[in-house]
Amino acid sequence: MKQNTAKAAPSARTPTVAGKPKVSEPKSGPGGGSALREKAASSRPASAAGKKNVDKAVPVVGRAPSTVAATKSATRSTSTTTSRTHVIKAPRNLPEESPSNVQPASVQEPAKERQVGNINVQDKSFEPRIGLARVLARRLARTQDSDTLSASASIDTTSLKADIENYYKEAITLCPRYHDAYIELGSFLEQHTSLVAAADLYATFPFERNMDPKLPETSQDDLYIDSEITRIFMKLKRFRDPVLIRSLIAEGRAMGIGVLGKYIETLDAAGENKTLMEVYAGVNRKALDDPEMVAFFKIKYWI
């Protein structure tokens, strides 16, 4: 009789994951289950064993990343952006300007009106007078141009010059310390009238002298009028005029006695010793009988 040999039933296979068969762990046996567990634990990557590098794990396609990884990634990008951005802080000690400090632009007050019969007449004001004088002076200059002389032959230049002088003088009366009016009118008189008229005009300028020796005696604008007085009065040989002596002293105090060199030579050649002594004593702020001044005057043979 043939002996029936029973074949062992094939062991059931566990389905594979990612193409690798999973070895089924026996339930019993000495050292069987524990050995497989230790081997599986040792073969795991470090990221699976711990939770420190959870944000480095690549998520499976179709599955949202873990909340911890998303939070850490957002935190890292935020800190990087913040570190690269330069924050400009405004200074804390700047004074705040209140709206009350803002002042409107200054507006010239209208001229006052007065009643003349049934007509309201405005009083004279400075700006219209100086403006008219300048416009008429330009018109006079154009009439004297060779190109326009034939076209302007019918213009009465004599009355035009009189109007220019009158408007300038009215402007000076309304604003006595306006330097430009004196300078412009002085140049006009020197050119069209006479040097004497220009000298008389400059002699009426109201100077403001500072008596404190620690401060400048006169301003630069006043000093320009002084230089014009010195130039014109020396041309006219008004050597003993107090106006000339006053302007020479002001120039010497402001710029030094050296700037008066040519005028001193002219006065010395003309024998104006008294004027020279007054100028030197005034520039040095000393009296004429001061011992130092007397010794200096004797050296110069002025006394």
C-alpha atoms as a PDB file:
ATOM      1  CA  MET A   1       0.000   0.000   0.000  1.00  0.00           C
ATOM      2  CA  LYS A   2       1.162   3.457  -0.806  1.00  0.00           C
ATOM      3  CA  GLN A   3       1.817   5.691   2.103  1.00  0.00           C
ATOM      4  CA  ASN A   4      -0.053   8.961   1.873  1.00  0.00           C
ATOM      5  CA  THR A   5       2.295  11.740   2.740  1.00  0.00           C
ATOM      6  CA  ALA A   6       0.481  14.875   3.840  1.00  0.00           C
ATOM      7  CA  LYS A   7       1.910  18.075   2.419  1.00  0.00           C
ATOM      8  CA  ALA A   8       2.311  20.985   4.687  1.00  0.00           C
ATOM      9  CA  ALA A   9      -0.110  23.790   4.001  1.00  0.00           C
ATOM     10  CA  PRO A  10       1.574  26.903   2.600  1.00  0.00           C
ATOM     11  CA  SER A  11       1.983  29.675   5.120  1.00  0.00           C
ATOM     12  CA  ALA A  12      -0.241  32.664   4.648  1.00  0.00           C
ATOM     13  CA  ARG A  13       1.538  35.753   3.244  1.00  0.00           C
ATOM     14  CA  THR A  14       1.088  39.089   4.729  1.00  0.00           C
ATOM     15  CA  PRO A  15       0.299  41.820   2.158  1.00  0.00           C
ATOM     16  CA  THR A  16       3.239  44.052   1.283  1.00  0.00           C
ATOM     17  CA  VAL A  17       3.573  47.782   1.880  1.00  0.00           C
ATOM     18  CA  ALA A  18       5.698  49.763  -0.632  1.00  0.00           C
ATOM     19  CA  GLY A  19       6.759  46.521  -2.323  1.00  0.00           C
ATOM     20  CA  LYS A  20       8.341  44.846   0.763  1.00  0.00           C
ATOM     21  CA  PRO A  21       6.847  41.855   2.484  1.00  0.00           C
ATOM     22  CA  LYS A  22       6.037  42.254   6.113  1.00  0.00           C
ATOM     23  CA  VAL A  23       7.245  39.422   8.220  1.00  0.00           C
ATOM     24  CA  SER A  24       4.611  38.252  10.583  1.00  0.00           C
ATOM     25  CA  GLU A  25       5.733  38.161  14.152  1.00  0.00           C
ATOM     26  CA  PRO A  26       5.121  34.872  15.906  1.00  0.00           C
ATOM     27  CA  LYS A  27       2.995  35.106  18.923  1.00  0.00           C
ATOM     28  CA  SER A  28       4.995  32.759  21.060  1.00  0.00           C
ATOM     29  CA  GLY A  29       8.382  31.281  21.292  1.00  0.00           C
ATOM     30  CA  PRO A  30      11.398  31.938  23.371  1.00  0.00           C
ATOM     31  CA  GLY A  31      13.005  35.163  22.212  1.00  0.00           C
ATOM     32  CA  GLY A  32      11.139  35.166  18.935  1.00  0.00           C
ATOM     33  CA  GLY A  33       8.817  38.153  19.346  1.00  0.00           C
ATOM     34  CA  SER A  34      11.166  40.303  21.394  1.00  0.00           C
ATOM     35  CA  ALA A  35      14.060  39.847  18.965  1.00  0.00           C
ATOM     36  CA  LEU A  36      11.991  40.960  16.005  1.00  0.00           C
ATOM     37  CA  ARG A  37      10.720  43.991  17.892  1.00  0.00           C
ATOM     38  CA  GLU A  38      14.257  45.056  18.815  1.00  0.00           C
ATOM     39  CA  LYS A  39      15.426  44.621  15.209  1.00  0.00           C
ATOM     40  CA  ALA A  40      12.544  46.685  13.876  1.00  0.00           C
ATOM     41  CA  ALA A  41      13.214  49.416  16.421  1.00  0.00           C
ATOM     42  CA  SER A  42      16.907  49.565  15.536  1.00  0.00           C
ATOM     43  CA  SER A  43      16.151  49.775  11.794  1.00  0.00           C
ATOM     44  CA  ARG A  44      13.813  52.790  12.192  1.00  0.00           C
ATOM     45  CA  PRO A  45      15.166  56.218  11.231  1.00  0.00           C
ATOM     46  CA  ALA A  46      15.875  58.727  13.947  1.00  0.00           C
ATOM     47  CA  SER A  47      13.034  60.955  12.831  1.00  0.00           C
ATOM     48  CA  ALA A  48      10.556  58.191  13.435  1.00  0.00           C
ATOM     49  CA  ALA A  49      12.009  57.310  16.821  1.00  0.00           C
ATOM     50  CA  GLY A  50      11.757  60.810  18.242  1.00  0.00           C
ATOM     51  CA  LYS A  51       9.648  63.906  17.731  1.00  0.00           C
ATOM     52  CA  LYS A  52      12.470  66.447  17.451  1.00  0.00           C
ATOM     53  CA  ASN A  53      12.679  66.561  13.659  1.00  0.00           C
ATOM     54  CA  VAL A  54       9.026  66.273  12.841  1.00  0.00           C
ATOM     55  CA  ASP A  55       9.124  69.374  10.629  1.00  0.00           C
ATOM     56  CA  LYS A  56      11.790  67.792   8.383  1.00  0.00           C
ATOM     57  CA  ALA A  57       9.638  64.820   7.415  1.00  0.00           C
ATOM     58  CA  VAL A  58       8.246  65.005   3.889  1.00  0.00           C
ATOM     59  CA  PRO A  59       4.464  64.556   3.975  1.00  0.00           C
ATOM     60  CA  VAL A  60       2.810  61.940   1.853  1.00  0.00           C
ATOM     61  CA  VAL A  61       1.216  63.193  -1.360  1.00  0.00           C
ATOM     62  CA  GLY A  62      -2.399  64.042  -0.795  1.00  0.00           C
ATOM     63  CA  ARG A  63      -2.010  64.473   2.935  1.00  0.00           C
ATOM     64  CA  ALA A  64      -1.741  67.835   4.728  1.00  0.00           C
ATOM     65  CA  PRO A  65       1.480  68.480   6.694  1.00  0.00           C
ATOM     66  CA  SER A  66       1.430  68.153  10.383  1.00  0.00           C
ATOM     67  CA  THR A  67       0.340  71.132  12.482  1.00  0.00           C
ATOM     68  CA  VAL A  68       3.640  71.300  14.356  1.00  0.00           C
ATOM     69  CA  ALA A  69       5.687  71.366  11.148  1.00  0.00           C
ATOM     70  CA  ALA A  70       3.537  74.112   9.615  1.00  0.00           C
ATOM     71  CA  THR A  71       3.755  76.214  12.765  1.00  0.00           C
ATOM     72  CA  LYS A  72       7.556  75.958  12.997  1.00  0.00           C
ATOM     73  CA  SER A  73       8.004  76.688   9.298  1.00  0.00           C
ATOM     74  CA  ALA A  74       5.840  79.816   9.534  1.00  0.00           C
ATOM     75  CA  THR A  75       7.734  80.939  12.632  1.00  0.00           C
ATOM     76  CA  ARG A  76      11.090  80.516  10.883  1.00  0.00           C
ATOM     77  CA  SER A  77       9.999  82.495   7.800  1.00  0.00           C
ATOM     78  CA  THR A  78       8.556  85.264   9.973  1.00  0.00           C
ATOM     79  CA  SER A  79      11.749  85.622  12.014  1.00  0.00           C
ATOM     80  CA  THR A  80      13.868  85.695   8.844  1.00  0.00           C
ATOM     81  CA  THR A  81      11.735  88.427   7.303  1.00  0.00           C
ATOM     82  CA  THR A  82      11.820  90.457  10.499  1.00  0.00           C
ATOM     83  CA  SER A  83      15.589  90.224  10.778  1.00  0.00           C
ATOM     84  CA  ARG A  84      16.047  91.476   7.223  1.00  0.00           C
ATOM     85  CA  THR A  85      13.698  94.440   7.601  1.00  0.00           C
ATOM     86  CA  HIS A  86      15.213  97.638   9.011  1.00  0.00           C
ATOM     87  CA  VAL A  87      12.733  99.378  11.228  1.00  0.00           C
ATOM     88  CA  ILE A  88      13.195 103.162  11.337  1.00  0.00           C
ATOM     89  CA  LYS A  89      12.151 104.569  14.661  1.00  0.00           C
ATOM     90  CA  ALA A  90      11.017 108.156  14.886  1.00  0.00           C
ATOM     91  CA  PRO A  91      12.827 110.304  17.466  1.00  0.00           C
ATOM     92  CA  ARG A  92      10.877 110.806  20.636  1.00  0.00           C
ATOM     93  CA  ASN A  93      12.112 114.275  21.559  1.00  0.00           C
ATOM     94  CA  LEU A  94      10.847 116.179  18.505  1.00  0.00           C
ATOM     95  CA  PRO A  95       8.540 119.041  19.481  1.00  0.00           C
ATOM     96  CA  GLU A  96       5.067 118.760  18.138  1.00  0.00           C
ATOM     97  CA  GLU A  97       3.974 121.826  16.251  1.00  0.00           C
ATOM     98  CA  SER A  98       0.569 122.946  17.286  1.00  0.00           C
ATOM     99  CA  PRO A  99      -1.824 124.303  14.694  1.00  0.00           C
ATOM    100  CA  SER A 100      -1.840 127.637  16.524  1.00  0.00           C
ATOM    101  CA  ASN A 101       1.812 128.281  15.545  1.00  0.00           C
ATOM    102  CA  VAL A 102       0.968 128.412  11.843  1.00  0.00           C
ATOM    103  CA  GLN A 103       0.664 132.041  10.833  1.00  0.00           C
ATOM    104  CA  PRO A 104      -0.933 133.245   7.599  1.00  0.00           C
ATOM    105  CA  ALA A 105       1.113 135.143   5.030  1.00  0.00           C
ATOM    106  CA  SER A 106       1.537 138.802   5.762  1.00  0.00           C
ATOM    107  CA  VAL A 107      -0.739 141.035   3.745  1.00  0.00           C
ATOM    108  CA  GLN A 108      -0.036 144.712   3.215  1.00  0.00           C
ATOM    109  CA  GLU A 109      -2.594 146.893   4.863  1.00  0.00           C
ATOM    110  CA  PRO A 110      -4.627 148.939   2.404  1.00  0.00           C
ATOM    111  CA  ALA A 111      -4.029 152.655   2.308  1.00  0.00           C
ATOM    112  CA  LYS A 112      -6.344 154.786   4.366  1.00  0.00           C
ATOM    113  CA  GLU A 113      -9.034 156.749   2.583  1.00  0.00           C
ATOM    114  CA  ARG A 114     -10.058 160.316   3.176  1.00  0.00           C
ATOM    115  CA  GLN A 115     -13.054 162.247   1.954  1.00  0.00           C
ATOM    116  CA  VAL A 116     -12.414 165.032  -0.560  1.00  0.00           C
ATOM    117  CA  GLY A 117     -15.817 166.447  -1.409  1.00  0.00           C
ATOM    118  CA  ASN A 118     -17.855 163.503  -2.685  1.00  0.00           C
ATOM    119  CA  ILE A 119     -14.804 161.426  -3.625  1.00  0.00           C
ATOM    120  CA  ASN A 120     -12.925 158.921  -1.463  1.00  0.00           C
ATOM    121  CA  VAL A 121      -9.200 159.473  -1.968  1.00  0.00           C
ATOM    122  CA  GLN A 122      -6.588 157.027  -0.718  1.00  0.00           C
ATOM    123  CA  ASP A 123      -3.549 158.336   1.102  1.00  0.00           C
ATOM    124  CA  LYS A 124      -0.135 157.944  -0.462  1.00  0.00           C
ATOM    125  CA  SER A 125       1.600 154.619   0.125  1.00  0.00           C
ATOM    126  CA  PHE A 126       5.203 153.542  -0.333  1.00  0.00           C
ATOM    127  CA  GLU A 127       5.030 150.649  -2.805  1.00  0.00           C
ATOM    128  CA  PRO A 128       3.069 152.453  -5.558  1.00  0.00           C
ATOM    129  CA  ARG A 129       5.459 155.421  -5.337  1.00  0.00           C
ATOM    130  CA  ILE A 130       8.660 153.383  -5.565  1.00  0.00           C
ATOM    131  CA  GLY A 131       7.120 151.249  -8.308  1.00  0.00           C
ATOM    132  CA  LEU A 132       6.148 154.273 -10.412  1.00  0.00           C
ATOM    133  CA  ALA A 133       9.606 155.787 -10.003  1.00  0.00           C
ATOM    134  CA  ARG A 134      11.308 152.591 -11.189  1.00  0.00           C
ATOM    135  CA  VAL A 135       8.995 152.140 -14.171  1.00  0.00           C
ATOM    136  CA  LEU A 136       9.506 155.726 -15.302  1.00  0.00           C
ATOM    137  CA  ALA A 137      13.278 155.392 -14.853  1.00  0.00           C
ATOM    138  CA  ARG A 138      13.257 152.372 -17.171  1.00  0.00           C
ATOM    139  CA  ARG A 139      11.178 154.292 -19.676  1.00  0.00           C
ATOM    140  CA  LEU A 140      13.675 157.145 -19.598  1.00  0.00           C
ATOM    141  CA  ALA A 141      16.533 154.721 -20.178  1.00  0.00           C
ATOM    142  CA  ARG A 142      14.724 153.286 -23.205  1.00  0.00           C
ATOM    143  CA  THR A 143      14.127 156.728 -24.694  1.00  0.00           C
ATOM    144  CA  GLN A 144      17.842 157.481 -24.486  1.00  0.00           C
ATOM    145  CA  ASP A 145      18.757 154.293 -26.306  1.00  0.00           C
ATOM    146  CA  SER A 146      20.048 154.946 -29.834  1.00  0.00           C
ATOM    147  CA  ASP A 147      17.740 152.301 -31.319  1.00  0.00           C
ATOM    148  CA  THR A 148      14.566 153.799 -29.894  1.00  0.00           C
ATOM    149  CA  LEU A 149      15.546 157.464 -29.944  1.00  0.00           C
ATOM    150  CA  SER A 150      13.737 158.221 -33.197  1.00  0.00           C
ATOM    151  CA  ALA A 151      10.555 156.501 -32.050  1.00  0.00           C
ATOM    152  CA  SER A 152      10.507 158.342 -28.719  1.00  0.00           C
ATOM    153  CA  ALA A 153      11.434 161.825 -29.904  1.00  0.00           C
ATOM    154  CA  SER A 154       8.018 163.140 -28.903  1.00  0.00           C
ATOM    155  CA  ILE A 155       8.469 162.223 -25.211  1.00  0.00           C
ATOM    156  CA  ASP A 156       9.189 165.142 -22.892  1.00  0.00           C
ATOM    157  CA  THR A 157      12.216 163.882 -20.954  1.00  0.00           C
ATOM    158  CA  THR A 158      12.371 166.979 -18.746  1.00  0.00           C
ATOM    159  CA  SER A 159       8.971 166.358 -17.177  1.00  0.00           C
ATOM    160  CA  LEU A 160       9.732 162.639 -17.042  1.00  0.00           C
ATOM    161  CA  LYS A 161      12.895 163.280 -15.013  1.00  0.00           C
ATOM    162  CA  ALA A 162      10.968 165.565 -12.681  1.00  0.00           C
ATOM    163  CA  ASP A 163       8.315 162.885 -12.118  1.00  0.00           C
ATOM    164  CA  ILE A 164      10.963 160.256 -11.378  1.00  0.00           C
ATOM    165  CA  GLU A 165      12.632 162.493  -8.795  1.00  0.00           C
ATOM    166  CA  ASN A 166       9.316 163.407  -7.167  1.00  0.00           C
ATOM    167  CA  TYR A 167       8.133 159.794  -6.878  1.00  0.00           C
ATOM    168  CA  TYR A 168      11.442 158.721  -5.341  1.00  0.00           C
ATOM    169  CA  LYS A 169      11.321 161.554  -2.810  1.00  0.00           C
ATOM    170  CA  GLU A 170       7.728 160.689  -1.881  1.00  0.00           C
ATOM    171  CA  ALA A 171       8.772 157.067  -1.346  1.00  0.00           C
ATOM    172  CA  ILE A 172      11.664 158.217   0.872  1.00  0.00           C
ATOM    173  CA  THR A 173       9.288 160.397   2.887  1.00  0.00           C
ATOM    174  CA  LEU A 174       6.977 157.431   3.464  1.00  0.00           C
ATOM    175  CA  CYS A 175       9.860 155.055   4.315  1.00  0.00           C
ATOM    176  CA  PRO A 176      12.918 157.063   5.420  1.00  0.00           C
ATOM    177  CA  ARG A 177      15.163 154.039   6.114  1.00  0.00           C
ATOM    178  CA  TYR A 178      14.711 152.319   2.738  1.00  0.00           C
ATOM    179  CA  HIS A 179      18.278 152.142   1.408  1.00  0.00           C
ATOM    180  CA  ASP A 180      17.417 151.203  -2.179  1.00  0.00           C
ATOM    181  CA  ALA A 181      15.402 154.373  -2.693  1.00  0.00           C
ATOM    182  CA  TYR A 182      18.391 156.520  -1.670  1.00  0.00           C
ATOM    183  CA  ILE A 183      20.831 154.516  -3.788  1.00  0.00           C
ATOM    184  CA  GLU A 184      18.626 154.536  -6.900  1.00  0.00           C
ATOM    185  CA  LEU A 185      17.737 158.210  -6.615  1.00  0.00           C
ATOM    186  CA  GLY A 186      21.349 159.153  -5.839  1.00  0.00           C
ATOM    187  CA  SER A 187      22.550 157.370  -8.960  1.00  0.00           C
ATOM    188  CA  PHE A 188      19.784 159.027 -10.984  1.00  0.00           C
ATOM    189  CA  LEU A 189      20.670 162.502  -9.713  1.00  0.00           C
ATOM    190  CA  GLU A 190      24.369 161.948 -10.300  1.00  0.00           C
ATOM    191  CA  GLN A 191      23.668 160.951 -13.902  1.00  0.00           C
ATOM    192  CA  HIS A 192      20.881 163.335 -14.890  1.00  0.00           C
ATOM    193  CA  THR A 193      21.054 166.295 -12.488  1.00  0.00           C
ATOM    194  CA  SER A 194      24.294 166.999 -10.622  1.00  0.00           C
ATOM    195  CA  LEU A 195      26.755 165.540  -8.146  1.00  0.00           C
ATOM    196  CA  VAL A 196      25.781 168.220  -5.644  1.00  0.00           C
ATOM    197  CA  ALA A 197      22.145 167.041  -5.693  1.00  0.00           C
ATOM    198  CA  ALA A 198      23.265 163.462  -5.004  1.00  0.00           C
ATOM    199  CA  ALA A 199      25.493 164.645  -2.125  1.00  0.00           C
ATOM    200  CA  ASP A 200      22.646 166.636  -0.584  1.00  0.00           C
ATOM    201  CA  LEU A 201      20.368 163.600  -0.849  1.00  0.00           C
ATOM    202  CA  TYR A 202      22.813 161.237   0.885  1.00  0.00           C
ATOM    203  CA  ALA A 203      23.429 163.815   3.612  1.00  0.00           C
ATOM    204  CA  THR A 204      19.765 163.474   4.683  1.00  0.00           C
ATOM    205  CA  PHE A 205      19.935 159.712   5.292  1.00  0.00           C
ATOM    206  CA  PRO A 206      18.943 158.872   8.909  1.00  0.00           C
ATOM    207  CA  PHE A 207      21.841 156.714  10.138  1.00  0.00           C
ATOM    208  CA  GLU A 208      21.471 154.454  13.165  1.00  0.00           C
ATOM    209  CA  ARG A 209      24.799 154.397  15.006  1.00  0.00           C
ATOM    210  CA  ASN A 210      25.487 151.897  17.766  1.00  0.00           C
ATOM    211  CA  MET A 211      27.349 153.493  20.662  1.00  0.00           C
ATOM    212  CA  ASP A 212      28.347 150.179  22.296  1.00  0.00           C
ATOM    213  CA  PRO A 213      32.030 149.553  21.397  1.00  0.00           C
ATOM    214  CA  LYS A 214      31.554 145.778  21.716  1.00  0.00           C
ATOM    215  CA  LEU A 215      29.029 145.724  18.875  1.00  0.00           C
ATOM    216  CA  PRO A 216      29.307 146.850  15.232  1.00  0.00           C
ATOM    217  CA  GLU A 217      28.646 150.552  14.978  1.00  0.00           C
ATOM    218  CA  THR A 218      26.682 150.409  11.745  1.00  0.00           C
ATOM    219  CA  SER A 219      25.014 147.884   9.465  1.00  0.00           C
ATOM    220  CA  GLN A 220      26.309 146.880   6.054  1.00  0.00           C
ATOM    221  CA  ASP A 221      23.526 148.800   4.302  1.00  0.00           C
ATOM    222  CA  ASP A 222      24.313 151.959   6.246  1.00  0.00           C
ATOM    223  CA  LEU A 223      27.985 151.417   5.506  1.00  0.00           C
ATOM    224  CA  TYR A 224      27.258 151.467   1.782  1.00  0.00           C
ATOM    225  CA  ILE A 225      25.628 154.886   2.151  1.00  0.00           C
ATOM    226  CA  ASP A 226      28.738 155.990   4.079  1.00  0.00           C
ATOM    227  CA  SER A 227      30.955 154.890   1.207  1.00  0.00           C
ATOM    228  CA  GLU A 228      28.841 156.850  -1.281  1.00  0.00           C
ATOM    229  CA  ILE A 229      29.038 159.955   0.911  1.00  0.00           C
ATOM    230  CA  THR A 230      32.822 159.607   1.175  1.00  0.00           C
ATOM    231  CA  ARG A 231      33.232 159.183  -2.566  1.00  0.00           C
ATOM    232  CA  ILE A 232      30.989 162.086  -3.583  1.00  0.00           C
ATOM    233  CA  PHE A 233      32.096 164.527  -0.857  1.00  0.00           C
ATOM    234  CA  MET A 234      35.759 163.914  -1.629  1.00  0.00           C
ATOM    235  CA  LYS A 235      35.062 164.634  -5.306  1.00  0.00           C
ATOM    236  CA  LEU A 236      33.336 167.862  -4.336  1.00  0.00           C
ATOM    237  CA  LYS A 237      36.208 168.682  -1.918  1.00  0.00           C
ATOM    238  CA  ARG A 238      33.911 169.120   1.042  1.00  0.00           C
ATOM    239  CA  PHE A 239      36.787 168.195   3.295  1.00  0.00           C
ATOM    240  CA  ARG A 240      35.546 169.938   6.446  1.00  0.00           C
ATOM    241  CA  ASP A 241      31.933 168.855   6.189  1.00  0.00           C
ATOM    242  CA  PRO A 242      30.812 167.023   9.367  1.00  0.00           C
ATOM    243  CA  VAL A 243      28.899 164.547   7.182  1.00  0.00           C
ATOM    244  CA  LEU A 244      32.144 163.489   5.494  1.00  0.00           C
ATOM    245  CA  ILE A 245      34.027 163.202   8.804  1.00  0.00           C
ATOM    246  CA  ARG A 246      31.226 161.095  10.270  1.00  0.00           C
ATOM    247  CA  SER A 247      31.251 158.676   7.314  1.00  0.00           C
ATOM    248  CA  LEU A 248      35.062 158.411   7.311  1.00  0.00           C
ATOM    249  CA  ILE A 249      35.020 157.479  11.001  1.00  0.00           C
ATOM    250  CA  ALA A 250      32.283 154.872  10.436  1.00  0.00           C
ATOM    251  CA  GLU A 251      34.231 153.257   7.590  1.00  0.00           C
ATOM    252  CA  GLY A 252      37.463 153.268   9.591  1.00  0.00           C
ATOM    253  CA  ARG A 253      35.832 151.610  12.607  1.00  0.00           C
ATOM    254  CA  ALA A 254      34.115 148.958  10.509  1.00  0.00           C
ATOM    255  CA  MET A 255      36.946 148.017   8.119  1.00  0.00           C
ATOM    256  CA  GLY A 256      40.094 149.523   9.589  1.00  0.00           C
ATOM    257  CA  ILE A 257      41.961 152.742   8.990  1.00  0.00           C
ATOM    258  CA  GLY A 258      43.790 151.141   6.067  1.00  0.00           C
ATOM    259  CA  VAL A 259      40.758 151.392   3.758  1.00  0.00           C
ATOM    260  CA  LEU A 260      40.966 155.182   4.020  1.00  0.00           C
ATOM    261  CA  GLY A 261      44.498 155.310   2.666  1.00  0.00           C
ATOM    262  CA  LYS A 262      43.827 157.234  -0.540  1.00  0.00           C
ATOM    263  CA  TYR A 263      41.458 159.649   1.206  1.00  0.00           C
ATOM    264  CA  ILE A 264      44.034 160.333   3.925  1.00  0.00           C
ATOM    265  CA  GLU A 265      46.650 161.072   1.287  1.00  0.00           C
ATOM    266  CA  THR A 266      44.263 163.492  -0.434  1.00  0.00           C
ATOM    267  CA  LEU A 267      43.441 165.258   2.831  1.00  0.00           C
ATOM    268  CA  ASP A 268      47.099 165.406   3.815  1.00  0.00           C
ATOM    269  CA  ALA A 269      48.034 166.900   0.454  1.00  0.00           C
ATOM    270  CA  ALA A 270      45.246 169.480   0.832  1.00  0.00           C
ATOM    271  CA  GLY A 271      46.524 170.446   4.295  1.00  0.00           C
ATOM    272  CA  GLU A 272      43.337 169.389   6.087  1.00  0.00           C
ATOM    273  CA  ASN A 273      45.127 168.544   9.336  1.00  0.00           C
ATOM    274  CA  LYS A 274      42.118 169.169  11.563  1.00  0.00           C
ATOM    275  CA  THR A 275      39.960 166.762   9.564  1.00  0.00           C
ATOM    276  CA  LEU A 276      42.698 164.118   9.711  1.00  0.00           C
ATOM    277  CA  MET A 277      43.062 164.460  13.489  1.00  0.00           C
ATOM    278  CA  GLU A 278      39.297 164.167  14.004  1.00  0.00           C
ATOM    279  CA  VAL A 279      39.148 161.072  11.798  1.00  0.00           C
ATOM    280  CA  TYR A 280      42.055 159.307  13.539  1.00  0.00           C
ATOM    281  CA  ALA A 281      40.770 160.157  17.010  1.00  0.00           C
ATOM    282  CA  GLY A 282      37.252 159.045  16.088  1.00  0.00           C
ATOM    283  CA  VAL A 283      38.386 155.719  14.622  1.00  0.00           C
ATOM    284  CA  ASN A 284      40.379 154.983  17.809  1.00  0.00           C
ATOM    285  CA  ARG A 285      37.479 156.212  20.016  1.00  0.00           C
ATOM    286  CA  LYS A 286      39.697 158.714  21.802  1.00  0.00           C
ATOM    287  CA  ALA A 287      39.646 162.442  22.385  1.00  0.00           C
ATOM    288  CA  LEU A 288      41.783 164.883  20.434  1.00  0.00           C
ATOM    289  CA  ASP A 289      43.797 165.783  23.541  1.00  0.00           C
ATOM    290  CA  ASP A 290      44.537 162.174  24.445  1.00  0.00           C
ATOM    291  CA  PRO A 291      48.305 161.797  25.100  1.00  0.00           C
ATOM    292  CA  GLU A 292      48.690 158.964  22.615  1.00  0.00           C
ATOM    293  CA  MET A 293      46.826 160.890  19.925  1.00  0.00           C
ATOM    294  CA  VAL A 294      48.846 164.057  20.587  1.00  0.00           C
ATOM    295  CA  ALA A 295      52.103 162.128  20.243  1.00  0.00           C
ATOM    296  CA  PHE A 296      50.891 160.581  16.990  1.00  0.00           C
ATOM    297  CA  PHE A 297      49.773 163.945  15.589  1.00  0.00           C
ATOM    298  CA  LYS A 298      53.199 165.426  16.340  1.00  0.00           C
ATOM    299  CA  ILE A 299      54.898 162.599  14.468  1.00  0.00           C
ATOM    300  CA  LYS A 300      52.661 163.340  11.451  1.00  0.00           C
ATOM    301  CA  TYR A 301      53.378 167.110  11.785  1.00  0.00           C
ATOM    302  CA  TRP A 302      49.685 167.829  12.045  1.00  0.00           C
ATOM    303  CA  ILE A 303      50.177 170.000  15.123  1.00  0.00           C
END
